[in-house]
Amino acid sequence: MNYESKNEPMVSNRAFTHRMLRHFCLSSLVIGVALGVGVAGYHIFAGFSWMDSLLNASMILGGMGPVGELPGDGAKVFASLYALFSGLVFIGASAILFAPVAHRVLHAFHIDDSDQAP
């Protein structure tokens, strides 16, 4: 995803909105894949139903904690690794989502008054 350099004018609001939409879709895809990994893992390792797996994976990914009792050591190892993975996914997805905003703010500090279009 190309961003304008500090020597280029700031993109229009329309282009910025499209950039935000692309970043939102990418961060949603990252979260969706992470949720899918969690649902499959809870279903395979803990033997939960698909709905209970979705609930537990969503709660872990959202930072709330597990809901169901984990039946064995394999399920507990998976849950701990998934919790660590989820923390990194949350940070990464947040960075993807807010990168255009941070770039636009920083870019605004580098624009001279003579650089802006009338």
PDB file of N, CA and C in Angstrom:
ATOM      1  N   MET A   1       0.848  -1.167   0.000  1.00  0.00           N
ATOM      2  CA  MET A   1       0.000   0.000   0.000  1.00  0.00           C
ATOM      3  C   MET A   1       0.891   1.227   0.000  1.00  0.00           C
ATOM      4  N   ASN A   2       0.770   1.968  -1.058  1.00  0.00           N
ATOM      5  CA  ASN A   2       1.629   3.123  -1.232  1.00  0.00           C
ATOM      6  C   ASN A   2       1.080   4.324  -0.486  1.00  0.00           C
ATOM      7  N   TYR A   3       1.997   4.993   0.195  1.00  0.00           N
ATOM      8  CA  TYR A   3       1.671   6.238   0.873  1.00  0.00           C
ATOM      9  C   TYR A   3       2.432   7.355   0.177  1.00  0.00           C
ATOM     10  N   GLU A   4       1.899   8.552   0.278  1.00  0.00           N
ATOM     11  CA  GLU A   4       2.593   9.693  -0.289  1.00  0.00           C
ATOM     12  C   GLU A   4       3.779  10.043   0.615  1.00  0.00           C
ATOM     13  N   SER A   5       4.860  10.512  -0.009  1.00  0.00           N
ATOM     14  CA  SER A   5       6.034  10.901   0.776  1.00  0.00           C
ATOM     15  C   SER A   5       5.801  12.295   1.354  1.00  0.00           C
ATOM     16  N   LYS A   6       6.718  12.714   2.205  1.00  0.00           N
ATOM     17  CA  LYS A   6       6.532  14.018   2.849  1.00  0.00           C
ATOM     18  C   LYS A   6       6.650  15.173   1.870  1.00  0.00           C
ATOM     19  N   ASN A   7       7.233  14.916   0.701  1.00  0.00           N
ATOM     20  CA  ASN A   7       7.368  15.969  -0.309  1.00  0.00           C
ATOM     21  C   ASN A   7       6.159  16.048  -1.233  1.00  0.00           C
ATOM     22  N   GLU A   8       5.254  15.107  -1.131  1.00  0.00           N
ATOM     23  CA  GLU A   8       4.057  15.082  -1.968  1.00  0.00           C
ATOM     24  C   GLU A   8       2.878  15.668  -1.195  1.00  0.00           C
ATOM     25  N   PRO A   9       1.886  16.186  -1.905  1.00  0.00           N
ATOM     26  CA  PRO A   9       0.706  16.723  -1.205  1.00  0.00           C
ATOM     27  C   PRO A   9      -0.104  15.597  -0.566  1.00  0.00           C
ATOM     28  N   MET A  10      -0.844  15.956   0.443  1.00  0.00           N
ATOM     29  CA  MET A  10      -1.699  14.987   1.133  1.00  0.00           C
ATOM     30  C   MET A  10      -2.805  14.525   0.194  1.00  0.00           C
ATOM     31  N   VAL A  11      -3.160  13.249   0.293  1.00  0.00           N
ATOM     32  CA  VAL A  11      -4.212  12.724  -0.575  1.00  0.00           C
ATOM     33  C   VAL A  11      -5.557  13.330  -0.179  1.00  0.00           C
ATOM     34  N   SER A  12      -6.497  13.273  -1.108  1.00  0.00           N
ATOM     35  CA  SER A  12      -7.831  13.818  -0.860  1.00  0.00           C
ATOM     36  C   SER A  12      -8.555  12.999   0.204  1.00  0.00           C
ATOM     37  N   ASN A  13      -9.629  13.569   0.716  1.00  0.00           N
ATOM     38  CA  ASN A  13     -10.428  12.841   1.705  1.00  0.00           C
ATOM     39  C   ASN A  13     -11.008  11.558   1.128  1.00  0.00           C
ATOM     40  N   ARG A  14     -11.368  11.593  -0.132  1.00  0.00           N
ATOM     41  CA  ARG A  14     -11.916  10.404  -0.795  1.00  0.00           C
ATOM     42  C   ARG A  14     -10.862   9.295  -0.872  1.00  0.00           C
ATOM     43  N   ALA A  15      -9.653   9.644  -1.268  1.00  0.00           N
ATOM     44  CA  ALA A  15      -8.573   8.652  -1.336  1.00  0.00           C
ATOM     45  C   ALA A  15      -8.233   8.130   0.052  1.00  0.00           C
ATOM     46  N   PHE A  16      -8.265   9.013   1.044  1.00  0.00           N
ATOM     47  CA  PHE A  16      -7.998   8.587   2.415  1.00  0.00           C
ATOM     48  C   PHE A  16      -9.080   7.626   2.908  1.00  0.00           C
ATOM     49  N   THR A  17     -10.337   7.892   2.565  1.00  0.00           N
ATOM     50  CA  THR A  17     -11.430   6.998   2.946  1.00  0.00           C
ATOM     51  C   THR A  17     -11.247   5.626   2.313  1.00  0.00           C
ATOM     52  N   HIS A  18     -10.832   5.589   1.069  1.00  0.00           N
ATOM     53  CA  HIS A  18     -10.575   4.308   0.393  1.00  0.00           C
ATOM     54  C   HIS A  18      -9.404   3.580   1.039  1.00  0.00           C
ATOM     55  N   ARG A  19      -8.384   4.338   1.420  1.00  0.00           N
ATOM     56  CA  ARG A  19      -7.234   3.739   2.107  1.00  0.00           C
ATOM     57  C   ARG A  19      -7.674   3.142   3.440  1.00  0.00           C
ATOM     58  N   MET A  20      -8.504   3.865   4.169  1.00  0.00           N
ATOM     59  CA  MET A  20      -9.004   3.351   5.455  1.00  0.00           C
ATOM     60  C   MET A  20      -9.841   2.094   5.254  1.00  0.00           C
ATOM     61  N   LEU A  21     -10.649   2.075   4.208  1.00  0.00           N
ATOM     62  CA  LEU A  21     -11.467   0.899   3.917  1.00  0.00           C
ATOM     63  C   LEU A  21     -10.594  -0.311   3.600  1.00  0.00           C
ATOM     64  N   ARG A  22      -9.542  -0.110   2.812  1.00  0.00           N
ATOM     65  CA  ARG A  22      -8.618  -1.212   2.499  1.00  0.00           C
ATOM     66  C   ARG A  22      -7.945  -1.732   3.763  1.00  0.00           C
ATOM     67  N   HIS A  23      -7.523  -0.835   4.626  1.00  0.00           N
ATOM     68  CA  HIS A  23      -6.873  -1.246   5.867  1.00  0.00           C
ATOM     69  C   HIS A  23      -7.862  -1.935   6.806  1.00  0.00           C
ATOM     70  N   PHE A  24      -9.092  -1.470   6.826  1.00  0.00           N
ATOM     71  CA  PHE A  24     -10.120  -2.124   7.639  1.00  0.00           C
ATOM     72  C   PHE A  24     -10.346  -3.549   7.147  1.00  0.00           C
ATOM     73  N   CYS A  25     -10.430  -3.724   5.833  1.00  0.00           N
ATOM     74  CA  CYS A  25     -10.635  -5.063   5.269  1.00  0.00           C
ATOM     75  C   CYS A  25      -9.458  -5.976   5.579  1.00  0.00           C
ATOM     76  N   LEU A  26      -8.237  -5.453   5.479  1.00  0.00           N
ATOM     77  CA  LEU A  26      -7.060  -6.261   5.781  1.00  0.00           C
ATOM     78  C   LEU A  26      -7.016  -6.647   7.252  1.00  0.00           C
ATOM     79  N   SER A  27      -7.287  -5.713   8.142  1.00  0.00           N
ATOM     80  CA  SER A  27      -7.270  -6.042   9.570  1.00  0.00           C
ATOM     81  C   SER A  27      -8.408  -7.002   9.918  1.00  0.00           C
ATOM     82  N   SER A  28      -9.549  -6.873   9.260  1.00  0.00           N
ATOM     83  CA  SER A  28     -10.654  -7.817   9.477  1.00  0.00           C
ATOM     84  C   SER A  28     -10.277  -9.213   8.999  1.00  0.00           C
ATOM     85  N   LEU A  29      -9.548  -9.287   7.895  1.00  0.00           N
ATOM     86  CA  LEU A  29      -9.086 -10.581   7.396  1.00  0.00           C
ATOM     87  C   LEU A  29      -8.117 -11.226   8.380  1.00  0.00           C
ATOM     88  N   VAL A  30      -7.208 -10.457   8.924  1.00  0.00           N
ATOM     89  CA  VAL A  30      -6.254 -10.976   9.904  1.00  0.00           C
ATOM     90  C   VAL A  30      -7.002 -11.505  11.128  1.00  0.00           C
ATOM     91  N   ILE A  31      -7.962 -10.746  11.617  1.00  0.00           N
ATOM     92  CA  ILE A  31      -8.729 -11.182  12.785  1.00  0.00           C
ATOM     93  C   ILE A  31      -9.573 -12.403  12.447  1.00  0.00           C
ATOM     94  N   GLY A  32     -10.151 -12.433  11.256  1.00  0.00           N
ATOM     95  CA  GLY A  32     -10.946 -13.584  10.843  1.00  0.00           C
ATOM     96  C   GLY A  32     -10.130 -14.863  10.762  1.00  0.00           C
ATOM     97  N   VAL A  33      -8.916 -14.771  10.216  1.00  0.00           N
ATOM     98  CA  VAL A  33      -8.038 -15.943  10.143  1.00  0.00           C
ATOM     99  C   VAL A  33      -7.654 -16.399  11.548  1.00  0.00           C
ATOM    100  N   ALA A  34      -7.322 -15.453  12.417  1.00  0.00           N
ATOM    101  CA  ALA A  34      -6.964 -15.804  13.791  1.00  0.00           C
ATOM    102  C   ALA A  34      -8.146 -16.447  14.514  1.00  0.00           C
ATOM    103  N   LEU A  35      -9.342 -15.949  14.274  1.00  0.00           N
ATOM    104  CA  LEU A  35     -10.528 -16.537  14.883  1.00  0.00           C
ATOM    105  C   LEU A  35     -10.747 -17.955  14.357  1.00  0.00           C
ATOM    106  N   GLY A  36     -10.542 -18.147  13.059  1.00  0.00           N
ATOM    107  CA  GLY A  36     -10.676 -19.482  12.474  1.00  0.00           C
ATOM    108  C   GLY A  36      -9.691 -20.472  13.072  1.00  0.00           C
ATOM    109  N   VAL A  37      -8.446 -20.023  13.295  1.00  0.00           N
ATOM    110  CA  VAL A  37      -7.441 -20.890  13.932  1.00  0.00           C
ATOM    111  C   VAL A  37      -7.906 -21.276  15.333  1.00  0.00           C
ATOM    112  N   GLY A  38      -8.428 -20.323  16.073  1.00  0.00           N
ATOM    113  CA  GLY A  38      -8.898 -20.596  17.426  1.00  0.00           C
ATOM    114  C   GLY A  38     -10.088 -21.539  17.457  1.00  0.00           C
ATOM    115  N   VAL A  39     -11.035 -21.321  16.566  1.00  0.00           N
ATOM    116  CA  VAL A  39     -12.224 -22.187  16.518  1.00  0.00           C
ATOM    117  C   VAL A  39     -11.803 -23.616  16.197  1.00  0.00           C
ATOM    118  N   ALA A  40     -10.953 -23.769  15.194  1.00  0.00           N
ATOM    119  CA  ALA A  40     -10.496 -25.118  14.832  1.00  0.00           C
ATOM    120  C   ALA A  40      -9.705 -25.752  15.968  1.00  0.00           C
ATOM    121  N   GLY A  41      -8.841 -24.979  16.600  1.00  0.00           N
ATOM    122  CA  GLY A  41      -8.039 -25.514  17.708  1.00  0.00           C
ATOM    123  C   GLY A  41      -8.871 -25.952  18.883  1.00  0.00           C
ATOM    124  N   TYR A  42      -9.824 -25.151  19.288  1.00  0.00           N
ATOM    125  CA  TYR A  42     -10.690 -25.547  20.408  1.00  0.00           C
ATOM    126  C   TYR A  42     -11.531 -26.761  20.043  1.00  0.00           C
ATOM    127  N   HIS A  43     -11.951 -26.842  18.803  1.00  0.00           N
ATOM    128  CA  HIS A  43     -12.749 -27.996  18.377  1.00  0.00           C
ATOM    129  C   HIS A  43     -11.896 -29.267  18.369  1.00  0.00           C
ATOM    130  N   ILE A  44     -10.673 -29.165  17.877  1.00  0.00           N
ATOM    131  CA  ILE A  44      -9.802 -30.342  17.769  1.00  0.00           C
ATOM    132  C   ILE A  44      -9.195 -30.721  19.121  1.00  0.00           C
ATOM    133  N   PHE A  45      -8.592 -29.770  19.808  1.00  0.00           N
ATOM    134  CA  PHE A  45      -7.842 -30.085  21.026  1.00  0.00           C
ATOM    135  C   PHE A  45      -8.716 -30.211  22.271  1.00  0.00           C
ATOM    136  N   ALA A  46      -9.774 -29.419  22.368  1.00  0.00           N
ATOM    137  CA  ALA A  46     -10.624 -29.460  23.556  1.00  0.00           C
ATOM    138  C   ALA A  46     -11.879 -30.293  23.332  1.00  0.00           C
ATOM    139  N   GLY A  47     -12.183 -30.615  22.086  1.00  0.00           N
ATOM    140  CA  GLY A  47     -13.379 -31.399  21.798  1.00  0.00           C
ATOM    141  C   GLY A  47     -14.674 -30.627  21.975  1.00  0.00           C
ATOM    142  N   PHE A  48     -14.596 -29.281  21.929  1.00  0.00           N
ATOM    143  CA  PHE A  48     -15.790 -28.462  22.076  1.00  0.00           C
ATOM    144  C   PHE A  48     -16.620 -28.524  20.797  1.00  0.00           C
ATOM    145  N   SER A  49     -17.908 -28.248  20.937  1.00  0.00           N
ATOM    146  CA  SER A  49     -18.752 -28.107  19.743  1.00  0.00           C
ATOM    147  C   SER A  49     -18.284 -26.869  18.978  1.00  0.00           C
ATOM    148  N   TRP A  50     -18.746 -26.746  17.734  1.00  0.00           N
ATOM    149  CA  TRP A  50     -18.333 -25.593  16.939  1.00  0.00           C
ATOM    150  C   TRP A  50     -18.760 -24.279  17.580  1.00  0.00           C
ATOM    151  N   MET A  51     -19.940 -24.258  18.165  1.00  0.00           N
ATOM    152  CA  MET A  51     -20.434 -23.020  18.784  1.00  0.00           C
ATOM    153  C   MET A  51     -19.635 -22.678  20.043  1.00  0.00           C
ATOM    154  N   ASP A  52     -19.336 -23.689  20.868  1.00  0.00           N
ATOM    155  CA  ASP A  52     -18.519 -23.445  22.060  1.00  0.00           C
ATOM    156  C   ASP A  52     -17.095 -23.057  21.673  1.00  0.00           C
ATOM    157  N   SER A  53     -16.590 -23.642  20.590  1.00  0.00           N
ATOM    158  CA  SER A  53     -15.258 -23.282  20.100  1.00  0.00           C
ATOM    159  C   SER A  53     -15.234 -21.826  19.651  1.00  0.00           C
ATOM    160  N   LEU A  54     -16.281 -21.409  18.938  1.00  0.00           N
ATOM    161  CA  LEU A  54     -16.382 -20.016  18.505  1.00  0.00           C
ATOM    162  C   LEU A  54     -16.438 -19.081  19.706  1.00  0.00           C
ATOM    163  N   LEU A  55     -17.211 -19.439  20.702  1.00  0.00           N
ATOM    164  CA  LEU A  55     -17.329 -18.610  21.901  1.00  0.00           C
ATOM    165  C   LEU A  55     -15.985 -18.467  22.602  1.00  0.00           C
ATOM    166  N   ASN A  56     -15.292 -19.582  22.819  1.00  0.00           N
ATOM    167  CA  ASN A  56     -14.008 -19.525  23.516  1.00  0.00           C
ATOM    168  C   ASN A  56     -12.963 -18.772  22.710  1.00  0.00           C
ATOM    169  N   ALA A  57     -12.892 -19.032  21.407  1.00  0.00           N
ATOM    170  CA  ALA A  57     -11.910 -18.330  20.575  1.00  0.00           C
ATOM    171  C   ALA A  57     -12.199 -16.833  20.537  1.00  0.00           C
ATOM    172  N   SER A  58     -13.465 -16.464  20.453  1.00  0.00           N
ATOM    173  CA  SER A  58     -13.835 -15.043  20.436  1.00  0.00           C
ATOM    174  C   SER A  58     -13.479 -14.361  21.748  1.00  0.00           C
ATOM    175  N   MET A  59     -13.720 -15.045  22.836  1.00  0.00           N
ATOM    176  CA  MET A  59     -13.418 -14.463  24.142  1.00  0.00           C
ATOM    177  C   MET A  59     -11.914 -14.290  24.336  1.00  0.00           C
ATOM    178  N   ILE A  60     -11.131 -15.269  23.917  1.00  0.00           N
ATOM    179  CA  ILE A  60      -9.680 -15.150  24.031  1.00  0.00           C
ATOM    180  C   ILE A  60      -9.168 -14.046  23.110  1.00  0.00           C
ATOM    181  N   LEU A  61      -9.630 -14.043  21.861  1.00  0.00           N
ATOM    182  CA  LEU A  61      -9.180 -13.044  20.896  1.00  0.00           C
ATOM    183  C   LEU A  61      -9.567 -11.632  21.336  1.00  0.00           C
ATOM    184  N   GLY A  62     -10.696 -11.516  22.006  1.00  0.00           N
ATOM    185  CA  GLY A  62     -11.134 -10.215  22.508  1.00  0.00           C
ATOM    186  C   GLY A  62     -10.514  -9.833  23.832  1.00  0.00           C
ATOM    187  N   GLY A  63      -9.698 -10.712  24.412  1.00  0.00           N
ATOM    188  CA  GLY A  63      -9.017 -10.408  25.658  1.00  0.00           C
ATOM    189  C   GLY A  63      -9.826 -10.660  26.907  1.00  0.00           C
ATOM    190  N   MET A  64     -10.935 -11.383  26.804  1.00  0.00           N
ATOM    191  CA  MET A  64     -11.813 -11.612  27.950  1.00  0.00           C
ATOM    192  C   MET A  64     -11.456 -12.864  28.739  1.00  0.00           C
ATOM    193  N   GLY A  65     -10.874 -13.864  28.100  1.00  0.00           N
ATOM    194  CA  GLY A  65     -10.531 -15.111  28.780  1.00  0.00           C
ATOM    195  C   GLY A  65     -11.454 -16.236  28.365  1.00  0.00           C
ATOM    196  N   PRO A  66     -11.036 -17.462  28.660  1.00  0.00           N
ATOM    197  CA  PRO A  66     -11.817 -18.635  28.232  1.00  0.00           C
ATOM    198  C   PRO A  66     -13.117 -18.768  29.010  1.00  0.00           C
ATOM    199  N   VAL A  67     -14.061 -19.489  28.399  1.00  0.00           N
ATOM    200  CA  VAL A  67     -15.367 -19.688  29.017  1.00  0.00           C
ATOM    201  C   VAL A  67     -15.505 -21.104  29.556  1.00  0.00           C
ATOM    202  N   GLY A  68     -15.128 -22.092  28.741  1.00  0.00           N
ATOM    203  CA  GLY A  68     -15.338 -23.486  29.104  1.00  0.00           C
ATOM    204  C   GLY A  68     -14.170 -24.089  29.854  1.00  0.00           C
ATOM    205  N   GLU A  69     -14.451 -25.174  30.556  1.00  0.00           N
ATOM    206  CA  GLU A  69     -13.426 -25.944  31.260  1.00  0.00           C
ATOM    207  C   GLU A  69     -12.634 -26.740  30.233  1.00  0.00           C
ATOM    208  N   LEU A  70     -11.323 -26.644  30.282  1.00  0.00           N
ATOM    209  CA  LEU A  70     -10.477 -27.353  29.318  1.00  0.00           C
ATOM    210  C   LEU A  70     -10.215 -28.766  29.838  1.00  0.00           C
ATOM    211  N   PRO A  71     -10.495 -29.787  29.013  1.00  0.00           N
ATOM    212  CA  PRO A  71     -10.494 -31.166  29.497  1.00  0.00           C
ATOM    213  C   PRO A  71      -9.120 -31.797  29.701  1.00  0.00           C
ATOM    214  N   GLY A  72      -8.104 -31.389  28.981  1.00  0.00           N
ATOM    215  CA  GLY A  72      -6.824 -32.075  29.097  1.00  0.00           C
ATOM    216  C   GLY A  72      -5.647 -31.138  28.932  1.00  0.00           C
ATOM    217  N   ASP A  73      -4.449 -31.703  29.055  1.00  0.00           N
ATOM    218  CA  ASP A  73      -3.240 -30.897  28.953  1.00  0.00           C
ATOM    219  C   ASP A  73      -3.043 -30.338  27.540  1.00  0.00           C
ATOM    220  N   GLY A  74      -3.383 -31.117  26.517  1.00  0.00           N
ATOM    221  CA  GLY A  74      -3.250 -30.637  25.148  1.00  0.00           C
ATOM    222  C   GLY A  74      -4.106 -29.407  24.897  1.00  0.00           C
ATOM    223  N   ALA A  75      -5.319 -29.435  25.424  1.00  0.00           N
ATOM    224  CA  ALA A  75      -6.222 -28.288  25.271  1.00  0.00           C
ATOM    225  C   ALA A  75      -5.687 -27.077  26.022  1.00  0.00           C
ATOM    226  N   LYS A  76      -5.083 -27.313  27.175  1.00  0.00           N
ATOM    227  CA  LYS A  76      -4.543 -26.207  27.958  1.00  0.00           C
ATOM    228  C   LYS A  76      -3.318 -25.594  27.287  1.00  0.00           C
ATOM    229  N   VAL A  77      -2.483 -26.436  26.685  1.00  0.00           N
ATOM    230  CA  VAL A  77      -1.324 -25.920  25.948  1.00  0.00           C
ATOM    231  C   VAL A  77      -1.804 -25.108  24.751  1.00  0.00           C
ATOM    232  N   PHE A  78      -2.786 -25.654  24.016  1.00  0.00           N
ATOM    233  CA  PHE A  78      -3.320 -24.895  22.881  1.00  0.00           C
ATOM    234  C   PHE A  78      -3.882 -23.565  23.341  1.00  0.00           C
ATOM    235  N   ALA A  79      -4.666 -23.569  24.410  1.00  0.00           N
ATOM    236  CA  ALA A  79      -5.300 -22.334  24.888  1.00  0.00           C
ATOM    237  C   ALA A  79      -4.253 -21.302  25.291  1.00  0.00           C
ATOM    238  N   SER A  80      -3.164 -21.734  25.925  1.00  0.00           N
ATOM    239  CA  SER A  80      -2.136 -20.771  26.323  1.00  0.00           C
ATOM    240  C   SER A  80      -1.403 -20.208  25.108  1.00  0.00           C
ATOM    241  N   LEU A  81      -1.091 -21.066  24.130  1.00  0.00           N
ATOM    242  CA  LEU A  81      -0.435 -20.582  22.921  1.00  0.00           C
ATOM    243  C   LEU A  81      -1.364 -19.676  22.111  1.00  0.00           C
ATOM    244  N   TYR A  82      -2.641 -20.025  22.062  1.00  0.00           N
ATOM    245  CA  TYR A  82      -3.605 -19.200  21.329  1.00  0.00           C
ATOM    246  C   TYR A  82      -3.786 -17.844  22.004  1.00  0.00           C
ATOM    247  N   ALA A  83      -3.730 -17.826  23.334  1.00  0.00           N
ATOM    248  CA  ALA A  83      -3.849 -16.552  24.047  1.00  0.00           C
ATOM    249  C   ALA A  83      -2.667 -15.640  23.719  1.00  0.00           C
ATOM    250  N   LEU A  84      -1.458 -16.191  23.685  1.00  0.00           N
ATOM    251  CA  LEU A  84      -0.282 -15.392  23.315  1.00  0.00           C
ATOM    252  C   LEU A  84      -0.377 -14.916  21.870  1.00  0.00           C
ATOM    253  N   PHE A  85      -0.775 -15.821  20.988  1.00  0.00           N
ATOM    254  CA  PHE A  85      -0.960 -15.491  19.574  1.00  0.00           C
ATOM    255  C   PHE A  85      -2.015 -14.398  19.414  1.00  0.00           C
ATOM    256  N   SER A  86      -3.091 -14.492  20.162  1.00  0.00           N
ATOM    257  CA  SER A  86      -4.182 -13.519  20.060  1.00  0.00           C
ATOM    258  C   SER A  86      -3.731 -12.123  20.474  1.00  0.00           C
ATOM    259  N   GLY A  87      -2.884 -12.050  21.485  1.00  0.00           N
ATOM    260  CA  GLY A  87      -2.362 -10.748  21.895  1.00  0.00           C
ATOM    261  C   GLY A  87      -1.571 -10.088  20.781  1.00  0.00           C
ATOM    262  N   LEU A  88      -0.765 -10.887  20.086  1.00  0.00           N
ATOM    263  CA  LEU A  88       0.016 -10.348  18.969  1.00  0.00           C
ATOM    264  C   LEU A  88      -0.881  -9.975  17.795  1.00  0.00           C
ATOM    265  N   VAL A  89      -1.904 -10.775  17.548  1.00  0.00           N
ATOM    266  CA  VAL A  89      -2.842 -10.470  16.461  1.00  0.00           C
ATOM    267  C   VAL A  89      -3.567  -9.163  16.753  1.00  0.00           C
ATOM    268  N   PHE A  90      -3.967  -8.958  17.991  1.00  0.00           N
ATOM    269  CA  PHE A  90      -4.661  -7.718  18.359  1.00  0.00           C
ATOM    270  C   PHE A  90      -3.767  -6.510  18.103  1.00  0.00           C
ATOM    271  N   ILE A  91      -2.495  -6.602  18.500  1.00  0.00           N
ATOM    272  CA  ILE A  91      -1.566  -5.497  18.279  1.00  0.00           C
ATOM    273  C   ILE A  91      -1.354  -5.268  16.784  1.00  0.00           C
ATOM    274  N   GLY A  92      -1.170  -6.359  16.040  1.00  0.00           N
ATOM    275  CA  GLY A  92      -0.948  -6.241  14.599  1.00  0.00           C
ATOM    276  C   GLY A  92      -2.145  -5.682  13.859  1.00  0.00           C
ATOM    277  N   ALA A  93      -3.331  -6.171  14.188  1.00  0.00           N
ATOM    278  CA  ALA A  93      -4.543  -5.687  13.526  1.00  0.00           C
ATOM    279  C   ALA A  93      -4.797  -4.219  13.862  1.00  0.00           C
ATOM    280  N   SER A  94      -4.498  -3.832  15.090  1.00  0.00           N
ATOM    281  CA  SER A  94      -4.646  -2.419  15.470  1.00  0.00           C
ATOM    282  C   SER A  94      -3.672  -1.545  14.693  1.00  0.00           C
ATOM    283  N   ALA A  95      -2.450  -2.027  14.526  1.00  0.00           N
ATOM    284  CA  ALA A  95      -1.452  -1.264  13.769  1.00  0.00           C
ATOM    285  C   ALA A  95      -1.879  -1.115  12.314  1.00  0.00           C
ATOM    286  N   ILE A  96      -2.393  -2.190  11.727  1.00  0.00           N
ATOM    287  CA  ILE A  96      -2.855  -2.127  10.338  1.00  0.00           C
ATOM    288  C   ILE A  96      -3.992  -1.118  10.208  1.00  0.00           C
ATOM    289  N   LEU A  97      -4.917  -1.148  11.158  1.00  0.00           N
ATOM    290  CA  LEU A  97      -6.092  -0.287  11.083  1.00  0.00           C
ATOM    291  C   LEU A  97      -5.752   1.191  11.280  1.00  0.00           C
ATOM    292  N   PHE A  98      -4.840   1.492  12.190  1.00  0.00           N
ATOM    293  CA  PHE A  98      -4.563   2.890  12.511  1.00  0.00           C
ATOM    294  C   PHE A  98      -3.363   3.471  11.774  1.00  0.00           C
ATOM    295  N   ALA A  99      -2.683   2.679  10.947  1.00  0.00           N
ATOM    296  CA  ALA A  99      -1.527   3.182  10.195  1.00  0.00           C
ATOM    297  C   ALA A  99      -1.889   4.361   9.283  1.00  0.00           C
ATOM    298  N   PRO A 100      -3.010   4.304   8.535  1.00  0.00           N
ATOM    299  CA  PRO A 100      -3.331   5.464   7.687  1.00  0.00           C
ATOM    300  C   PRO A 100      -3.583   6.740   8.482  1.00  0.00           C
ATOM    301  N   VAL A 101      -4.206   6.606   9.638  1.00  0.00           N
ATOM    302  CA  VAL A 101      -4.482   7.778  10.470  1.00  0.00           C
ATOM    303  C   VAL A 101      -3.173   8.363  10.984  1.00  0.00           C
ATOM    304  N   ALA A 102      -2.286   7.498  11.480  1.00  0.00           N
ATOM    305  CA  ALA A 102      -0.995   7.969  11.980  1.00  0.00           C
ATOM    306  C   ALA A 102      -0.190   8.618  10.863  1.00  0.00           C
ATOM    307  N   HIS A 103      -0.214   8.024   9.675  1.00  0.00           N
ATOM    308  CA  HIS A 103       0.517   8.597   8.553  1.00  0.00           C
ATOM    309  C   HIS A 103      -0.037   9.965   8.182  1.00  0.00           C
ATOM    310  N   ARG A 104      -1.359  10.076   8.164  1.00  0.00           N
ATOM    311  CA  ARG A 104      -1.980  11.355   7.778  1.00  0.00           C
ATOM    312  C   ARG A 104      -1.637  12.447   8.784  1.00  0.00           C
ATOM    313  N   VAL A 105      -1.646  12.118  10.054  1.00  0.00           N
ATOM    314  CA  VAL A 105      -1.304  13.104  11.091  1.00  0.00           C
ATOM    315  C   VAL A 105       0.159  13.518  10.952  1.00  0.00           C
ATOM    316  N   LEU A 106       1.051  12.543  10.807  1.00  0.00           N
ATOM    317  CA  LEU A 106       2.467  12.876  10.667  1.00  0.00           C
ATOM    318  C   LEU A 106       2.744  13.622   9.375  1.00  0.00           C
ATOM    319  N   HIS A 107       2.027  13.243   8.326  1.00  0.00           N
ATOM    320  CA  HIS A 107       2.204  13.933   7.042  1.00  0.00           C
ATOM    321  C   HIS A 107       1.753  15.390   7.153  1.00  0.00           C
ATOM    322  N   ALA A 108       0.720  15.649   7.901  1.00  0.00           N
ATOM    323  CA  ALA A 108       0.221  17.018   8.057  1.00  0.00           C
ATOM    324  C   ALA A 108       1.266  17.916   8.720  1.00  0.00           C
ATOM    325  N   PHE A 109       2.106  17.354   9.598  1.00  0.00           N
ATOM    326  CA  PHE A 109       3.152  18.150  10.243  1.00  0.00           C
ATOM    327  C   PHE A 109       4.256  18.549   9.267  1.00  0.00           C
ATOM    328  N   HIS A 110       4.406  17.827   8.166  1.00  0.00           N
ATOM    329  CA  HIS A 110       5.476  18.102   7.209  1.00  0.00           C
ATOM    330  C   HIS A 110       5.041  18.982   6.044  1.00  0.00           C
ATOM    331  N   ILE A 111       3.785  19.355   5.972  1.00  0.00           N
ATOM    332  CA  ILE A 111       3.301  20.168   4.856  1.00  0.00           C
ATOM    333  C   ILE A 111       3.514  21.639   5.172  1.00  0.00           C
ATOM    334  N   ASP A 112       4.153  22.320   4.235  1.00  0.00           N
ATOM    335  CA  ASP A 112       4.272  23.772   4.343  1.00  0.00           C
ATOM    336  C   ASP A 112       2.998  24.400   3.822  1.00  0.00           C
ATOM    337  N   ASP A 113       2.743  25.626   4.186  1.00  0.00           N
ATOM    338  CA  ASP A 113       1.570  26.311   3.682  1.00  0.00           C
ATOM    339  C   ASP A 113       1.603  26.454   2.168  1.00  0.00           C
ATOM    340  N   SER A 114       2.779  26.559   1.588  1.00  0.00           N
ATOM    341  CA  SER A 114       2.888  26.697   0.143  1.00  0.00           C
ATOM    342  C   SER A 114       2.633  25.388  -0.591  1.00  0.00           C
ATOM    343  N   ASP A 115       2.685  24.244   0.108  1.00  0.00           N
ATOM    344  CA  ASP A 115       2.467  22.946  -0.507  1.00  0.00           C
ATOM    345  C   ASP A 115       0.990  22.616  -0.709  1.00  0.00           C
ATOM    346  N   GLN A 116       0.130  23.246   0.042  1.00  0.00           N
ATOM    347  CA  GLN A 116      -1.294  22.903  -0.021  1.00  0.00           C
ATOM    348  C   GLN A 116      -1.953  23.553  -1.220  1.00  0.00           C
ATOM    349  N   ALA A 117      -2.866  22.810  -1.806  1.00  0.00           N
ATOM    350  CA  ALA A 117      -3.637  23.343  -2.933  1.00  0.00           C
ATOM    351  C   ALA A 117      -4.651  24.353  -2.410  1.00  0.00           C
ATOM    352  N   PRO A 118      -4.995  25.378  -3.221  1.00  0.00           N
ATOM    353  CA  PRO A 118      -5.936  26.415  -2.760  1.00  0.00           C
ATOM    354  C   PRO A 118      -7.331  25.887  -2.559  1.00  0.00           C
TER     355      PRO A 118
END
